[in-house]
Amino acid sequence: MASQARGNVIIDQEECKGCGLCVDSCPPGCLELAPELNKYGVHPAEYTGEGCTGCGACYYCCPEPGAVTVERLLPPPKATAQNIPAAEEVAHAPAV
């Protein structure tokens, strides 16, 4: 079972210089170099769309300020005793 993504990577295609440091540093391997060229004539990095853990390794190793943005996603709410109805709340009320 694949786990839900915990992060999202946004790469500014026109700021990326195509060095590949972010691709090499990504632990889950969810970045790759794009097949098309940007305005600098290089293959910019791009997010594959799945698998990001939100660790930020790509952001910290990128030499180009503003090229990589990492968003941490909120985890889905966990089931707790507060949002699970008690047995007496779901049972039919006794006839009076």
PDB file of N, CA and C in Angstrom:
ATOM      1  N   MET A   1       0.841  -1.170   0.000  1.00  0.00           N
ATOM      2  CA  MET A   1       0.000   0.000   0.000  1.00  0.00           C
ATOM      3  C   MET A   1       0.887   1.234   0.000  1.00  0.00           C
ATOM      4  N   ALA A   2       0.695   2.144  -0.935  1.00  0.00           N
ATOM      5  CA  ALA A   2       1.478   3.360  -1.019  1.00  0.00           C
ATOM      6  C   ALA A   2       0.989   4.359   0.010  1.00  0.00           C
ATOM      7  N   SER A   3       1.940   5.010   0.666  1.00  0.00           N
ATOM      8  CA  SER A   3       1.549   6.001   1.658  1.00  0.00           C
ATOM      9  C   SER A   3       1.178   7.309   0.964  1.00  0.00           C
ATOM     10  N   GLN A   4       0.376   8.086   1.660  1.00  0.00           N
ATOM     11  CA  GLN A   4      -0.067   9.366   1.120  1.00  0.00           C
ATOM     12  C   GLN A   4       1.099  10.350   1.159  1.00  0.00           C
ATOM     13  N   ALA A   5       1.202  11.194   0.136  1.00  0.00           N
ATOM     14  CA  ALA A   5       2.271  12.184   0.074  1.00  0.00           C
ATOM     15  C   ALA A   5       2.166  13.124   1.267  1.00  0.00           C
ATOM     16  N   ARG A   6       3.313  13.460   1.844  1.00  0.00           N
ATOM     17  CA  ARG A   6       3.349  14.375   2.982  1.00  0.00           C
ATOM     18  C   ARG A   6       3.869  15.745   2.587  1.00  0.00           C
ATOM     19  N   GLY A   7       4.232  15.901   1.316  1.00  0.00           N
ATOM     20  CA  GLY A   7       4.754  17.178   0.853  1.00  0.00           C
ATOM     21  C   GLY A   7       4.475  17.392  -0.618  1.00  0.00           C
ATOM     22  N   ASN A   8       4.784  18.595  -1.065  1.00  0.00           N
ATOM     23  CA  ASN A   8       4.629  18.962  -2.468  1.00  0.00           C
ATOM     24  C   ASN A   8       5.804  19.856  -2.840  1.00  0.00           C
ATOM     25  N   VAL A   9       6.386  19.621  -3.994  1.00  0.00           N
ATOM     26  CA  VAL A   9       7.526  20.414  -4.446  1.00  0.00           C
ATOM     27  C   VAL A   9       7.089  21.270  -5.630  1.00  0.00           C
ATOM     28  N   ILE A  10       7.396  22.556  -5.551  1.00  0.00           N
ATOM     29  CA  ILE A  10       7.131  23.478  -6.653  1.00  0.00           C
ATOM     30  C   ILE A  10       8.476  23.973  -7.148  1.00  0.00           C
ATOM     31  N   ILE A  11       8.757  23.757  -8.414  1.00  0.00           N
ATOM     32  CA  ILE A  11      10.025  24.183  -9.002  1.00  0.00           C
ATOM     33  C   ILE A  11       9.741  25.230 -10.067  1.00  0.00           C
ATOM     34  N   ASP A  12      10.364  26.384  -9.925  1.00  0.00           N
ATOM     35  CA  ASP A  12      10.245  27.455 -10.917  1.00  0.00           C
ATOM     36  C   ASP A  12      11.126  27.064 -12.105  1.00  0.00           C
ATOM     37  N   GLN A  13      10.487  26.622 -13.176  1.00  0.00           N
ATOM     38  CA  GLN A  13      11.202  26.110 -14.347  1.00  0.00           C
ATOM     39  C   GLN A  13      12.148  27.133 -14.974  1.00  0.00           C
ATOM     40  N   GLU A  14      11.835  28.401 -14.818  1.00  0.00           N
ATOM     41  CA  GLU A  14      12.679  29.439 -15.426  1.00  0.00           C
ATOM     42  C   GLU A  14      13.813  29.884 -14.512  1.00  0.00           C
ATOM     43  N   GLU A  15      13.770  29.519 -13.239  1.00  0.00           N
ATOM     44  CA  GLU A  15      14.869  29.818 -12.318  1.00  0.00           C
ATOM     45  C   GLU A  15      15.844  28.661 -12.210  1.00  0.00           C
ATOM     46  N   CYS A  16      15.367  27.459 -12.481  1.00  0.00           N
ATOM     47  CA  CYS A  16      16.201  26.259 -12.365  1.00  0.00           C
ATOM     48  C   CYS A  16      17.296  26.268 -13.424  1.00  0.00           C
ATOM     49  N   LYS A  17      18.509  25.971 -12.982  1.00  0.00           N
ATOM     50  CA  LYS A  17      19.658  25.934 -13.895  1.00  0.00           C
ATOM     51  C   LYS A  17      19.994  24.520 -14.365  1.00  0.00           C
ATOM     52  N   GLY A  18      19.207  23.544 -13.926  1.00  0.00           N
ATOM     53  CA  GLY A  18      19.381  22.171 -14.395  1.00  0.00           C
ATOM     54  C   GLY A  18      20.611  21.470 -13.861  1.00  0.00           C
ATOM     55  N   CYS A  19      21.101  21.862 -12.686  1.00  0.00           N
ATOM     56  CA  CYS A  19      22.322  21.249 -12.146  1.00  0.00           C
ATOM     57  C   CYS A  19      22.081  19.822 -11.664  1.00  0.00           C
ATOM     58  N   GLY A  20      20.836  19.499 -11.275  1.00  0.00           N
ATOM     59  CA  GLY A  20      20.499  18.151 -10.844  1.00  0.00           C
ATOM     60  C   GLY A  20      20.811  17.842  -9.392  1.00  0.00           C
ATOM     61  N   LEU A  21      21.274  18.824  -8.614  1.00  0.00           N
ATOM     62  CA  LEU A  21      21.578  18.565  -7.206  1.00  0.00           C
ATOM     63  C   LEU A  21      20.335  18.147  -6.436  1.00  0.00           C
ATOM     64  N   CYS A  22      19.206  18.774  -6.734  1.00  0.00           N
ATOM     65  CA  CYS A  22      17.966  18.412  -6.039  1.00  0.00           C
ATOM     66  C   CYS A  22      17.533  16.999  -6.392  1.00  0.00           C
ATOM     67  N   VAL A  23      17.700  16.628  -7.636  1.00  0.00           N
ATOM     68  CA  VAL A  23      17.327  15.280  -8.082  1.00  0.00           C
ATOM     69  C   VAL A  23      18.168  14.241  -7.349  1.00  0.00           C
ATOM     70  N   ASP A  24      19.468  14.499  -7.241  1.00  0.00           N
ATOM     71  CA  ASP A  24      20.370  13.560  -6.567  1.00  0.00           C
ATOM     72  C   ASP A  24      20.141  13.499  -5.064  1.00  0.00           C
ATOM     73  N   SER A  25      19.691  14.607  -4.456  1.00  0.00           N
ATOM     74  CA  SER A  25      19.534  14.650  -2.999  1.00  0.00           C
ATOM     75  C   SER A  25      18.167  14.175  -2.518  1.00  0.00           C
ATOM     76  N   CYS A  26      17.233  13.959  -3.402  1.00  0.00           N
ATOM     77  CA  CYS A  26      15.862  13.605  -3.012  1.00  0.00           C
ATOM     78  C   CYS A  26      15.805  12.160  -2.503  1.00  0.00           C
ATOM     79  N   PRO A  27      15.569  11.962  -1.182  1.00  0.00           N
ATOM     80  CA  PRO A  27      15.542  10.593  -0.643  1.00  0.00           C
ATOM     81  C   PRO A  27      14.500   9.680  -1.289  1.00  0.00           C
ATOM     82  N   PRO A  28      13.243  10.141  -1.512  1.00  0.00           N
ATOM     83  CA  PRO A  28      12.286   9.227  -2.144  1.00  0.00           C
ATOM     84  C   PRO A  28      12.411   9.168  -3.668  1.00  0.00           C
ATOM     85  N   GLY A  29      13.261  10.008  -4.255  1.00  0.00           N
ATOM     86  CA  GLY A  29      13.458   9.978  -5.701  1.00  0.00           C
ATOM     87  C   GLY A  29      12.277  10.491  -6.488  1.00  0.00           C
ATOM     88  N   CYS A  30      11.617  11.526  -6.004  1.00  0.00           N
ATOM     89  CA  CYS A  30      10.423  12.026  -6.684  1.00  0.00           C
ATOM     90  C   CYS A  30      10.693  13.238  -7.578  1.00  0.00           C
ATOM     91  N   LEU A  31      11.959  13.551  -7.818  1.00  0.00           N
ATOM     92  CA  LEU A  31      12.324  14.623  -8.745  1.00  0.00           C
ATOM     93  C   LEU A  31      13.078  14.033  -9.917  1.00  0.00           C
ATOM     94  N   GLU A  32      12.946  14.687 -11.061  1.00  0.00           N
ATOM     95  CA  GLU A  32      13.667  14.261 -12.254  1.00  0.00           C
ATOM     96  C   GLU A  32      13.936  15.490 -13.117  1.00  0.00           C
ATOM     97  N   LEU A  33      14.848  15.349 -14.064  1.00  0.00           N
ATOM     98  CA  LEU A  33      15.106  16.435 -15.004  1.00  0.00           C
ATOM     99  C   LEU A  33      14.108  16.327 -16.154  1.00  0.00           C
ATOM    100  N   ALA A  34      13.503  17.452 -16.490  1.00  0.00           N
ATOM    101  CA  ALA A  34      12.477  17.490 -17.534  1.00  0.00           C
ATOM    102  C   ALA A  34      13.088  17.211 -18.905  1.00  0.00           C
ATOM    103  N   PRO A  35      12.334  16.606 -19.796  1.00  0.00           N
ATOM    104  CA  PRO A  35      12.839  16.350 -21.148  1.00  0.00           C
ATOM    105  C   PRO A  35      12.942  17.618 -21.996  1.00  0.00           C
ATOM    106  N   GLU A  36      12.125  18.646 -21.679  1.00  0.00           N
ATOM    107  CA  GLU A  36      12.157  19.888 -22.467  1.00  0.00           C
ATOM    108  C   GLU A  36      13.159  20.877 -21.861  1.00  0.00           C
ATOM    109  N   LEU A  37      13.589  21.826 -22.653  1.00  0.00           N
ATOM    110  CA  LEU A  37      14.564  22.835 -22.222  1.00  0.00           C
ATOM    111  C   LEU A  37      13.839  24.085 -21.733  1.00  0.00           C
ATOM    112  N   ASN A  38      14.480  24.795 -20.788  1.00  0.00           N
ATOM    113  CA  ASN A  38      13.918  26.076 -20.354  1.00  0.00           C
ATOM    114  C   ASN A  38      14.621  27.203 -21.122  1.00  0.00           C
ATOM    115  N   LYS A  39      14.404  28.450 -20.711  1.00  0.00           N
ATOM    116  CA  LYS A  39      14.954  29.586 -21.450  1.00  0.00           C
ATOM    117  C   LYS A  39      16.480  29.643 -21.407  1.00  0.00           C
ATOM    118  N   TYR A  40      17.094  28.925 -20.455  1.00  0.00           N
ATOM    119  CA  TYR A  40      18.558  28.883 -20.374  1.00  0.00           C
ATOM    120  C   TYR A  40      19.138  27.765 -21.238  1.00  0.00           C
ATOM    121  N   GLY A  41      18.267  26.966 -21.823  1.00  0.00           N
ATOM    122  CA  GLY A  41      18.726  25.860 -22.660  1.00  0.00           C
ATOM    123  C   GLY A  41      19.163  24.643 -21.868  1.00  0.00           C
ATOM    124  N   VAL A  42      18.626  24.496 -20.647  1.00  0.00           N
ATOM    125  CA  VAL A  42      18.951  23.336 -19.820  1.00  0.00           C
ATOM    126  C   VAL A  42      17.664  22.584 -19.474  1.00  0.00           C
ATOM    127  N   HIS A  43      17.813  21.376 -19.019  1.00  0.00           N
ATOM    128  CA  HIS A  43      16.674  20.566 -18.595  1.00  0.00           C
ATOM    129  C   HIS A  43      16.417  20.862 -17.120  1.00  0.00           C
ATOM    130  N   PRO A  44      15.350  21.591 -16.798  1.00  0.00           N
ATOM    131  CA  PRO A  44      15.078  21.914 -15.397  1.00  0.00           C
ATOM    132  C   PRO A  44      14.527  20.706 -14.644  1.00  0.00           C
ATOM    133  N   ALA A  45      14.654  20.756 -13.332  1.00  0.00           N
ATOM    134  CA  ALA A  45      14.093  19.699 -12.491  1.00  0.00           C
ATOM    135  C   ALA A  45      12.575  19.843 -12.464  1.00  0.00           C
ATOM    136  N   GLU A  46      11.906  18.731 -12.237  1.00  0.00           N
ATOM    137  CA  GLU A  46      10.455  18.758 -12.085  1.00  0.00           C
ATOM    138  C   GLU A  46      10.038  17.677 -11.097  1.00  0.00           C
ATOM    139  N   TYR A  47       8.918  17.933 -10.430  1.00  0.00           N
ATOM    140  CA  TYR A  47       8.346  16.996  -9.468  1.00  0.00           C
ATOM    141  C   TYR A  47       7.501  15.990 -10.219  1.00  0.00           C
ATOM    142  N   THR A  48       7.668  14.716  -9.915  1.00  0.00           N
ATOM    143  CA  THR A  48       6.914  13.674 -10.611  1.00  0.00           C
ATOM    144  C   THR A  48       5.448  13.644 -10.195  1.00  0.00           C
ATOM    145  N   GLY A  49       5.132  14.295  -9.081  1.00  0.00           N
ATOM    146  CA  GLY A  49       3.744  14.379  -8.655  1.00  0.00           C
ATOM    147  C   GLY A  49       3.354  13.428  -7.546  1.00  0.00           C
ATOM    148  N   GLU A  50       4.272  12.579  -7.110  1.00  0.00           N
ATOM    149  CA  GLU A  50       3.953  11.666  -6.026  1.00  0.00           C
ATOM    150  C   GLU A  50       5.207  11.257  -5.270  1.00  0.00           C
ATOM    151  N   GLY A  51       5.019  10.931  -4.009  1.00  0.00           N
ATOM    152  CA  GLY A  51       6.110  10.406  -3.202  1.00  0.00           C
ATOM    153  C   GLY A  51       6.865  11.407  -2.351  1.00  0.00           C
ATOM    154  N   CYS A  52       6.542  12.677  -2.431  1.00  0.00           N
ATOM    155  CA  CYS A  52       7.273  13.680  -1.655  1.00  0.00           C
ATOM    156  C   CYS A  52       6.985  13.513  -0.168  1.00  0.00           C
ATOM    157  N   THR A  53       8.047  13.511   0.643  1.00  0.00           N
ATOM    158  CA  THR A  53       7.900  13.408   2.087  1.00  0.00           C
ATOM    159  C   THR A  53       7.932  14.777   2.757  1.00  0.00           C
ATOM    160  N   GLY A  54       8.252  15.815   2.000  1.00  0.00           N
ATOM    161  CA  GLY A  54       8.327  17.159   2.563  1.00  0.00           C
ATOM    162  C   GLY A  54       9.590  17.397   3.366  1.00  0.00           C
ATOM    163  N   CYS A  55      10.630  16.599   3.148  1.00  0.00           N
ATOM    164  CA  CYS A  55      11.858  16.707   3.945  1.00  0.00           C
ATOM    165  C   CYS A  55      12.639  17.994   3.672  1.00  0.00           C
ATOM    166  N   GLY A  56      12.530  18.537   2.464  1.00  0.00           N
ATOM    167  CA  GLY A  56      13.207  19.786   2.133  1.00  0.00           C
ATOM    168  C   GLY A  56      14.641  19.637   1.673  1.00  0.00           C
ATOM    169  N   ALA A  57      15.134  18.423   1.469  1.00  0.00           N
ATOM    170  CA  ALA A  57      16.514  18.232   1.029  1.00  0.00           C
ATOM    171  C   ALA A  57      16.768  18.942  -0.297  1.00  0.00           C
ATOM    172  N   CYS A  58      15.816  18.905  -1.205  1.00  0.00           N
ATOM    173  CA  CYS A  58      15.969  19.566  -2.503  1.00  0.00           C
ATOM    174  C   CYS A  58      16.087  21.077  -2.334  1.00  0.00           C
ATOM    175  N   TYR A  59      15.315  21.639  -1.429  1.00  0.00           N
ATOM    176  CA  TYR A  59      15.340  23.078  -1.162  1.00  0.00           C
ATOM    177  C   TYR A  59      16.697  23.501  -0.609  1.00  0.00           C
ATOM    178  N   TYR A  60      17.207  22.754   0.359  1.00  0.00           N
ATOM    179  CA  TYR A  60      18.451  23.131   1.018  1.00  0.00           C
ATOM    180  C   TYR A  60      19.689  22.952   0.153  1.00  0.00           C
ATOM    181  N   CYS A  61      19.648  22.046  -0.802  1.00  0.00           N
ATOM    182  CA  CYS A  61      20.838  21.843  -1.637  1.00  0.00           C
ATOM    183  C   CYS A  61      20.810  22.672  -2.915  1.00  0.00           C
ATOM    184  N   CYS A  62      19.699  23.310  -3.235  1.00  0.00           N
ATOM    185  CA  CYS A  62      19.587  24.088  -4.471  1.00  0.00           C
ATOM    186  C   CYS A  62      20.418  25.363  -4.382  1.00  0.00           C
ATOM    187  N   PRO A  63      21.324  25.588  -5.349  1.00  0.00           N
ATOM    188  CA  PRO A  63      22.151  26.799  -5.328  1.00  0.00           C
ATOM    189  C   PRO A  63      21.424  28.038  -5.862  1.00  0.00           C
ATOM    190  N   GLU A  64      20.252  27.857  -6.440  1.00  0.00           N
ATOM    191  CA  GLU A  64      19.515  28.977  -7.034  1.00  0.00           C
ATOM    192  C   GLU A  64      18.386  29.435  -6.111  1.00  0.00           C
ATOM    193  N   PRO A  65      18.528  30.612  -5.492  1.00  0.00           N
ATOM    194  CA  PRO A  65      17.482  31.086  -4.573  1.00  0.00           C
ATOM    195  C   PRO A  65      16.130  31.221  -5.276  1.00  0.00           C
ATOM    196  N   GLY A  66      15.113  30.683  -4.665  1.00  0.00           N
ATOM    197  CA  GLY A  66      13.763  30.802  -5.191  1.00  0.00           C
ATOM    198  C   GLY A  66      13.375  29.796  -6.250  1.00  0.00           C
ATOM    199  N   ALA A  67      14.256  28.889  -6.598  1.00  0.00           N
ATOM    200  CA  ALA A  67      13.913  27.915  -7.638  1.00  0.00           C
ATOM    201  C   ALA A  67      13.062  26.769  -7.090  1.00  0.00           C
ATOM    202  N   VAL A  68      13.272  26.408  -5.830  1.00  0.00           N
ATOM    203  CA  VAL A  68      12.563  25.267  -5.244  1.00  0.00           C
ATOM    204  C   VAL A  68      11.778  25.722  -4.014  1.00  0.00           C
ATOM    205  N   THR A  69      10.512  25.326  -3.968  1.00  0.00           N
ATOM    206  CA  THR A  69       9.665  25.560  -2.803  1.00  0.00           C
ATOM    207  C   THR A  69       9.099  24.213  -2.377  1.00  0.00           C
ATOM    208  N   VAL A  70       9.184  23.925  -1.084  1.00  0.00           N
ATOM    209  CA  VAL A  70       8.642  22.676  -0.552  1.00  0.00           C
ATOM    210  C   VAL A  70       7.509  23.023   0.394  1.00  0.00           C
ATOM    211  N   GLU A  71       6.363  22.403   0.164  1.00  0.00           N
ATOM    212  CA  GLU A  71       5.196  22.594   1.022  1.00  0.00           C
ATOM    213  C   GLU A  71       4.975  21.329   1.839  1.00  0.00           C
ATOM    214  N   ARG A  72       4.811  21.495   3.138  1.00  0.00           N
ATOM    215  CA  ARG A  72       4.449  20.364   3.994  1.00  0.00           C
ATOM    216  C   ARG A  72       2.939  20.262   3.992  1.00  0.00           C
ATOM    217  N   LEU A  73       2.399  19.087   3.708  1.00  0.00           N
ATOM    218  CA  LEU A  73       0.960  18.877   3.670  1.00  0.00           C
ATOM    219  C   LEU A  73       0.468  18.407   5.034  1.00  0.00           C
ATOM    220  N   LEU A  74      -0.721  18.819   5.389  1.00  0.00           N
ATOM    221  CA  LEU A  74      -1.316  18.380   6.647  1.00  0.00           C
ATOM    222  C   LEU A  74      -1.724  16.917   6.528  1.00  0.00           C
ATOM    223  N   PRO A  75      -1.427  16.140   7.554  1.00  0.00           N
ATOM    224  CA  PRO A  75      -1.863  14.740   7.508  1.00  0.00           C
ATOM    225  C   PRO A  75      -3.369  14.653   7.665  1.00  0.00           C
ATOM    226  N   PRO A  76      -3.974  13.594   7.161  1.00  0.00           N
ATOM    227  CA  PRO A  76      -5.416  13.438   7.338  1.00  0.00           C
ATOM    228  C   PRO A  76      -5.728  13.283   8.825  1.00  0.00           C
ATOM    229  N   PRO A  77      -6.901  13.725   9.265  1.00  0.00           N
ATOM    230  CA  PRO A  77      -7.237  13.612  10.689  1.00  0.00           C
ATOM    231  C   PRO A  77      -7.297  12.158  11.128  1.00  0.00           C
ATOM    232  N   LYS A  78      -6.785  11.913  12.330  1.00  0.00           N
ATOM    233  CA  LYS A  78      -6.796  10.562  12.884  1.00  0.00           C
ATOM    234  C   LYS A  78      -8.085  10.349  13.660  1.00  0.00           C
ATOM    235  N   ALA A  79      -8.507   9.115  13.685  1.00  0.00           N
ATOM    236  CA  ALA A  79      -9.704   8.769  14.453  1.00  0.00           C
ATOM    237  C   ALA A  79      -9.353   8.839  15.934  1.00  0.00           C
ATOM    238  N   THR A  80     -10.110   9.606  16.683  1.00  0.00           N
ATOM    239  CA  THR A  80      -9.905   9.724  18.122  1.00  0.00           C
ATOM    240  C   THR A  80     -11.213   9.427  18.838  1.00  0.00           C
ATOM    241  N   ALA A  81     -11.130   9.311  20.140  1.00  0.00           N
ATOM    242  CA  ALA A  81     -12.333   9.036  20.928  1.00  0.00           C
ATOM    243  C   ALA A  81     -13.326  10.187  20.819  1.00  0.00           C
ATOM    244  N   GLN A  82     -12.854  11.386  20.527  1.00  0.00           N
ATOM    245  CA  GLN A  82     -13.737  12.537  20.436  1.00  0.00           C
ATOM    246  C   GLN A  82     -14.616  12.496  19.184  1.00  0.00           C
ATOM    247  N   ASN A  83     -14.102  11.966  18.077  1.00  0.00           N
ATOM    248  CA  ASN A  83     -14.905  11.976  16.860  1.00  0.00           C
ATOM    249  C   ASN A  83     -15.489  10.607  16.505  1.00  0.00           C
ATOM    250  N   ILE A  84     -15.399   9.641  17.422  1.00  0.00           N
ATOM    251  CA  ILE A  84     -16.048   8.341  17.246  1.00  0.00           C
ATOM    252  C   ILE A  84     -17.222   8.299  18.228  1.00  0.00           C
ATOM    253  N   PRO A  85     -18.444   8.146  17.721  1.00  0.00           N
ATOM    254  CA  PRO A  85     -19.590   8.150  18.633  1.00  0.00           C
ATOM    255  C   PRO A  85     -19.542   6.968  19.596  1.00  0.00           C
ATOM    256  N   ALA A  86     -19.939   7.226  20.823  1.00  0.00           N
ATOM    257  CA  ALA A  86     -20.002   6.165  21.829  1.00  0.00           C
ATOM    258  C   ALA A  86     -21.153   5.228  21.490  1.00  0.00           C
ATOM    259  N   ALA A  87     -21.105   4.028  22.027  1.00  0.00           N
ATOM    260  CA  ALA A  87     -22.109   3.011  21.718  1.00  0.00           C
ATOM    261  C   ALA A  87     -23.511   3.487  22.063  1.00  0.00           C
ATOM    262  N   GLU A  88     -23.662   4.190  23.184  1.00  0.00           N
ATOM    263  CA  GLU A  88     -25.004   4.626  23.559  1.00  0.00           C
ATOM    264  C   GLU A  88     -25.503   5.754  22.651  1.00  0.00           C
ATOM    265  N   GLU A  89     -24.617   6.467  21.988  1.00  0.00           N
ATOM    266  CA  GLU A  89     -25.035   7.528  21.085  1.00  0.00           C
ATOM    267  C   GLU A  89     -25.582   6.969  19.767  1.00  0.00           C
ATOM    268  N   VAL A  90     -25.118   5.825  19.378  1.00  0.00           N
ATOM    269  CA  VAL A  90     -25.558   5.246  18.116  1.00  0.00           C
ATOM    270  C   VAL A  90     -26.702   4.246  18.305  1.00  0.00           C
ATOM    271  N   ALA A  91     -26.896   3.797  19.534  1.00  0.00           N
ATOM    272  CA  ALA A  91     -27.970   2.841  19.809  1.00  0.00           C
ATOM    273  C   ALA A  91     -29.302   3.591  19.841  1.00  0.00           C
ATOM    274  N   HIS A  92     -30.359   2.853  19.579  1.00  0.00           N
ATOM    275  CA  HIS A  92     -31.692   3.446  19.628  1.00  0.00           C
ATOM    276  C   HIS A  92     -32.053   3.747  21.083  1.00  0.00           C
ATOM    277  N   ALA A  93     -32.733   4.828  21.285  1.00  0.00           N
ATOM    278  CA  ALA A  93     -33.169   5.178  22.629  1.00  0.00           C
ATOM    279  C   ALA A  93     -34.285   4.240  23.061  1.00  0.00           C
ATOM    280  N   PRO A  94     -34.318   3.870  24.326  1.00  0.00           N
ATOM    281  CA  PRO A  94     -35.389   2.977  24.788  1.00  0.00           C
ATOM    282  C   PRO A  94     -36.745   3.677  24.715  1.00  0.00           C
ATOM    283  N   ALA A  95     -37.751   2.913  24.421  1.00  0.00           N
ATOM    284  CA  ALA A  95     -39.099   3.470  24.321  1.00  0.00           C
ATOM    285  C   ALA A  95     -39.578   3.853  25.709  1.00  0.00           C
ATOM    286  N   VAL A  96     -40.214   4.991  25.809  1.00  0.00           N
ATOM    287  CA  VAL A  96     -40.716   5.463  27.104  1.00  0.00           C
ATOM    288  C   VAL A  96     -42.172   5.260  27.214  1.00  0.00           C
TER     289      VAL A  96
END
